């Protein structure tokens, strides 16, 4: 399987990571056989170094540098980058909201689970839909297509913040609601976390030019959005 290259020059390369693919080997998921880092390396014939990471079930823009030094330079300026995500969540998010909610480290990710870190995420509703399905206690079920812009990159930050405001992402086995996930799997043939890294803006480490890279939705997520009538 070849990954879709979204941007490439002599210094960096960005790909559209599919849902289910790990960025690199991890003890958290010992079952994985393929990894984005090795796939991109083999695809372009050069060693690559991850600038950031995406959760295994998240799709979208994934950036690599062609040297460890360039990766470090981009990471040092990472707070000035802008990451935009799309998600389908339970319920209607009616107005933009800034969630300012500190997050503790996660012990199963090798972090200090007693230490809280500052975390802010901006959420903006894009479209709403309602379907004739009794998934919870209401005769109809509501969903929102939202845009998320995290200010930091804490582990599962977007997913945890959406759970915090009672709008969990559909397909989120860890922070979502099982009855919604089961409905989407059995009735809508959707077996993934509906979270997509839509765009990334950052300053090029060599040219100093501001770069914007956009990733189209994967086939299954795009088909679901079309089914819901989203533009």
Protein backbone atom coordinates (compact mmCIF):
# COMPACT_ATOMS: atom_id res chain seq x y z
CA UNK A 1 0.00 0.00 0.00
CA UNK A 2 1.38 3.39 -1.01
CA UNK A 3 0.51 6.42 1.08
CA UNK A 4 -0.80 9.56 -0.61
CA UNK A 5 1.89 12.24 -0.58
CA UNK A 6 0.35 15.65 0.08
CA UNK A 7 3.57 17.70 -0.06
CA UNK A 8 7.22 16.95 -0.74
CA UNK A 9 10.43 18.90 -1.28
CA UNK A 10 14.12 18.33 -0.47
CA UNK A 11 13.54 18.88 3.25
CA UNK A 12 10.07 17.65 4.30
CA UNK A 13 7.32 15.31 3.20
CA UNK A 14 3.69 15.10 4.32
CA UNK A 15 1.33 12.18 3.75
CA UNK A 16 -2.34 11.45 4.31
CA UNK A 17 -2.22 8.81 7.03
CA UNK A 18 -5.11 6.33 6.92
CA UNK A 19 -7.03 5.40 10.04
CA UNK A 20 -5.58 2.30 11.70
CA UNK A 21 -1.94 2.94 10.78
CA UNK A 22 0.62 3.61 13.50
CA UNK A 23 3.18 6.37 12.96
CA UNK A 24 5.99 4.12 14.24
CA UNK A 25 6.49 0.99 16.32
CA UNK A 26 5.00 1.20 19.78
CA UNK A 27 4.72 -1.11 22.74
CA UNK A 28 1.13 0.18 23.12
CA UNK A 29 0.11 -1.71 19.93
CA UNK A 30 2.26 -4.80 19.59
CA UNK A 31 -0.10 -6.29 16.98
CA UNK A 32 0.81 -3.72 14.29
CA UNK A 33 2.83 -4.90 11.29
CA UNK A 34 2.96 -1.72 9.21
CA UNK A 35 4.10 1.76 10.23
CA UNK A 36 3.90 5.10 8.46
CA UNK A 37 7.55 5.94 9.12
CA UNK A 38 8.89 2.83 7.36
CA UNK A 39 6.31 3.08 4.57
CA UNK A 40 7.24 6.68 3.74
CA UNK A 41 10.95 5.84 3.94
CA UNK A 42 10.55 2.99 1.48
CA UNK A 43 8.25 5.03 -0.76
CA UNK A 44 10.60 8.00 -1.24
CA UNK A 45 13.88 6.11 -0.76
CA UNK A 46 15.15 8.30 2.10
CA UNK A 47 15.19 8.18 5.88
CA UNK A 48 12.45 10.29 7.45
CA UNK A 49 11.92 11.64 10.96
CA UNK A 50 8.45 12.27 12.44
CA UNK A 51 7.75 15.88 13.37
CA UNK A 52 4.56 15.02 15.24
CA UNK A 53 2.22 12.08 15.77
CA UNK A 54 -1.38 11.14 15.14
CA UNK A 55 -3.32 8.55 17.14
CA UNK A 56 -3.54 5.22 15.38
CA UNK A 57 -7.30 5.56 14.59
CA UNK A 58 -6.95 9.18 13.41
CA UNK A 59 -6.45 9.91 9.71
CA UNK A 60 -5.00 12.96 7.99
CA UNK A 61 -1.93 15.16 7.59
CA UNK A 62 1.25 13.59 8.96
CA UNK A 63 4.54 15.49 8.58
CA UNK A 64 8.08 14.09 8.36
CA UNK A 65 11.43 15.84 7.98
CA UNK A 66 14.31 14.36 5.99
CA UNK A 67 16.77 14.90 8.82
CA UNK A 68 16.61 14.79 12.58
CA UNK A 69 17.89 18.37 12.77
CA UNK A 70 15.07 19.70 10.58
CA UNK A 71 12.51 17.75 12.61
CA UNK A 72 13.88 19.37 15.78
CA UNK A 73 13.72 22.87 14.27
CA UNK A 74 10.05 22.43 13.29
CA UNK A 75 9.20 20.96 16.69
CA UNK A 76 10.76 23.94 18.47
CA UNK A 77 8.32 26.21 16.61
CA UNK A 78 5.40 23.79 16.90
CA UNK A 79 3.40 26.03 19.25
CA UNK A 80 3.16 28.50 16.34
CA UNK A 81 1.77 25.90 13.96
CA UNK A 82 -1.97 25.54 13.42
CA UNK A 83 -3.59 22.12 13.35
CA UNK A 84 -7.18 21.75 12.23
CA UNK A 85 -9.20 18.57 12.69
CA UNK A 86 -12.64 17.45 11.54
CA UNK A 87 -14.82 15.13 13.61
CA UNK A 88 -18.34 13.76 13.79
CA UNK A 89 -19.66 13.99 17.33
CA UNK A 90 -22.78 13.03 19.25
CA UNK A 91 -25.35 15.78 19.72
CA UNK A 92 -25.58 19.30 18.32
CA UNK A 93 -22.71 21.61 19.17
CA UNK A 94 -24.60 24.86 18.59
CA UNK A 95 -21.93 27.54 19.11
CA UNK A 96 -18.13 27.84 18.96
CA UNK A 97 -16.49 27.07 22.28
CA UNK A 98 -13.00 27.22 23.76
CA UNK A 99 -12.44 24.31 26.13
CA UNK A 100 -9.79 25.19 28.69
CA UNK A 101 -9.40 21.98 30.68
CA UNK A 102 -6.10 20.67 32.01
CA UNK A 103 -5.33 17.04 31.22
CA UNK A 104 -3.42 14.55 33.33
CA UNK A 105 -0.72 12.37 31.82
CA UNK A 106 -1.76 8.86 30.85
CA UNK A 107 -0.07 6.03 32.70
CA UNK A 108 -0.58 3.51 29.89
CA UNK A 109 1.35 5.87 27.58
CA UNK A 110 4.29 6.02 29.97
CA UNK A 111 3.32 9.43 31.36
CA UNK A 112 3.01 10.74 34.90
CA UNK A 113 -0.72 10.27 35.46
CA UNK A 114 -0.67 12.50 38.54
CA UNK A 115 0.55 15.63 36.75
CA UNK A 116 -1.92 17.92 34.98
CA UNK A 117 -0.90 19.89 31.90
CA UNK A 118 -2.49 22.99 30.44
CA UNK A 119 -4.73 22.18 27.45
CA UNK A 120 -7.03 24.34 25.34
CA UNK A 121 -8.99 23.36 22.23
CA UNK A 122 -11.25 25.52 20.10
CA UNK A 123 -14.33 23.79 18.67
CA UNK A 124 -16.56 25.19 15.93
CA UNK A 125 -19.72 23.56 14.53
CA UNK A 126 -19.75 23.22 10.74
CA UNK A 127 -23.01 21.36 10.08
CA UNK A 128 -25.69 19.39 11.94
CA UNK A 129 -27.77 16.37 11.06
CA UNK A 130 -30.60 14.37 12.63
CA UNK A 131 -31.50 10.79 11.75
CA UNK A 132 -34.56 8.64 12.46
CA UNK A 133 -32.87 6.20 14.78
CA UNK A 134 -33.41 5.53 18.47
CA UNK A 135 -29.83 5.00 19.58
CA UNK A 136 -30.12 6.41 23.07
CA UNK A 137 -33.34 7.45 24.83
CA UNK A 138 -34.71 9.74 22.11
CA UNK A 139 -36.66 8.69 18.96
CA UNK A 140 -34.21 10.62 16.77
CA UNK A 141 -30.45 11.05 17.04
CA UNK A 142 -28.44 14.22 16.44
CA UNK A 143 -24.87 14.67 15.28
CA UNK A 144 -22.50 17.53 14.52
CA UNK A 145 -19.66 17.88 12.05
CA UNK A 146 -17.18 20.01 13.95
CA UNK A 147 -13.80 21.64 13.47
CA UNK A 148 -11.25 21.36 16.27
CA UNK A 149 -8.11 23.45 16.74
CA UNK A 150 -5.95 22.27 19.65
CA UNK A 151 -3.50 24.76 21.14
CA UNK A 152 -1.22 22.01 22.45
CA UNK A 153 -0.66 18.38 21.54
CA UNK A 154 -1.55 16.48 24.71
CA UNK A 155 -2.28 12.78 24.40
CA UNK A 156 -5.85 12.32 23.08
CA UNK A 157 -6.46 16.04 23.70
CA UNK A 158 -9.33 16.51 21.24
CA UNK A 159 -10.97 13.23 22.19
CA UNK A 160 -10.76 13.93 25.93
CA UNK A 161 -12.00 17.51 25.58
CA UNK A 162 -15.01 16.41 23.51
CA UNK A 163 -15.87 13.83 26.14
CA UNK A 164 -15.54 16.60 28.75
CA UNK A 165 -18.26 18.68 27.04
CA UNK A 166 -20.48 15.62 26.41
CA UNK A 167 -19.95 15.54 22.63
CA UNK A 168 -17.84 12.38 22.23
CA UNK A 169 -16.52 11.45 18.80
CA UNK A 170 -18.35 8.67 17.00
CA UNK A 171 -16.24 5.53 16.83
CA UNK A 172 -14.17 6.42 19.88
CA UNK A 173 -13.83 3.13 21.74
CA UNK A 174 -12.08 4.75 24.70
CA UNK A 175 -13.97 7.99 25.29
CA UNK A 176 -17.16 7.57 23.27
CA UNK A 177 -20.49 5.85 23.84
CA UNK A 178 -20.72 2.18 22.94
CA UNK A 179 -24.33 2.23 21.70
CA UNK A 180 -23.50 4.95 19.13
CA UNK A 181 -20.34 3.19 18.03
CA UNK A 182 -22.22 -0.10 17.61
CA UNK A 183 -24.99 1.58 15.59
CA UNK A 184 -22.52 3.18 13.18
CA UNK A 185 -20.67 -0.10 12.81
CA UNK A 186 -23.70 -2.33 12.21
CA UNK A 187 -26.05 0.05 10.38
CA UNK A 188 -23.71 2.45 8.57
CA UNK A 189 -20.69 0.20 7.93
CA UNK A 190 -18.46 2.63 9.84
CA UNK A 191 -15.77 0.91 11.90
CA UNK A 192 -13.36 3.76 12.63
CA UNK A 193 -12.85 6.80 14.82
CA UNK A 194 -14.40 9.72 12.95
CA UNK A 195 -11.52 12.13 13.57
CA UNK A 196 -9.44 13.50 10.71
CA UNK A 197 -6.42 15.83 10.74
CA UNK A 198 -7.70 18.12 8.00
CA UNK A 199 -4.95 20.75 7.73
CA UNK A 200 -1.56 21.79 9.05
CA UNK A 201 0.03 25.23 8.80
CA UNK A 202 3.65 25.78 9.84
CA UNK A 203 6.78 27.71 8.93
CA UNK A 204 9.13 25.87 6.58
CA UNK A 205 12.39 25.17 8.47
CA UNK A 206 14.61 26.16 5.53
CA UNK A 207 12.75 28.70 3.38
CA UNK A 208 10.87 30.42 6.20
CA UNK A 209 7.71 30.37 4.06
CA UNK A 210 4.38 29.62 5.72
CA UNK A 211 3.14 26.25 4.41
CA UNK A 212 -0.44 24.97 4.47
CA UNK A 213 -1.14 21.30 3.78
CA UNK A 214 -4.67 19.89 3.48
CA UNK A 215 -5.75 16.25 3.54
CA UNK A 216 -8.99 15.05 1.90
CA UNK A 217 -11.21 12.71 3.87
CA UNK A 218 -10.73 8.97 3.49
CA UNK A 219 -13.27 7.19 1.30
CA UNK A 220 -15.44 5.76 4.11
CA UNK A 221 -15.58 8.98 6.12
CA UNK A 222 -16.30 11.02 2.97
CA UNK A 223 -19.11 8.63 1.99
CA UNK A 224 -20.66 8.96 5.45
CA UNK A 225 -20.52 12.76 5.30
CA UNK A 226 -22.13 12.67 1.86
CA UNK A 227 -24.85 10.40 3.22
CA UNK A 228 -25.58 12.98 5.93
CA UNK A 229 -25.78 15.73 3.30
CA UNK A 230 -22.72 17.66 4.53
CA UNK A 231 -21.30 20.06 1.96
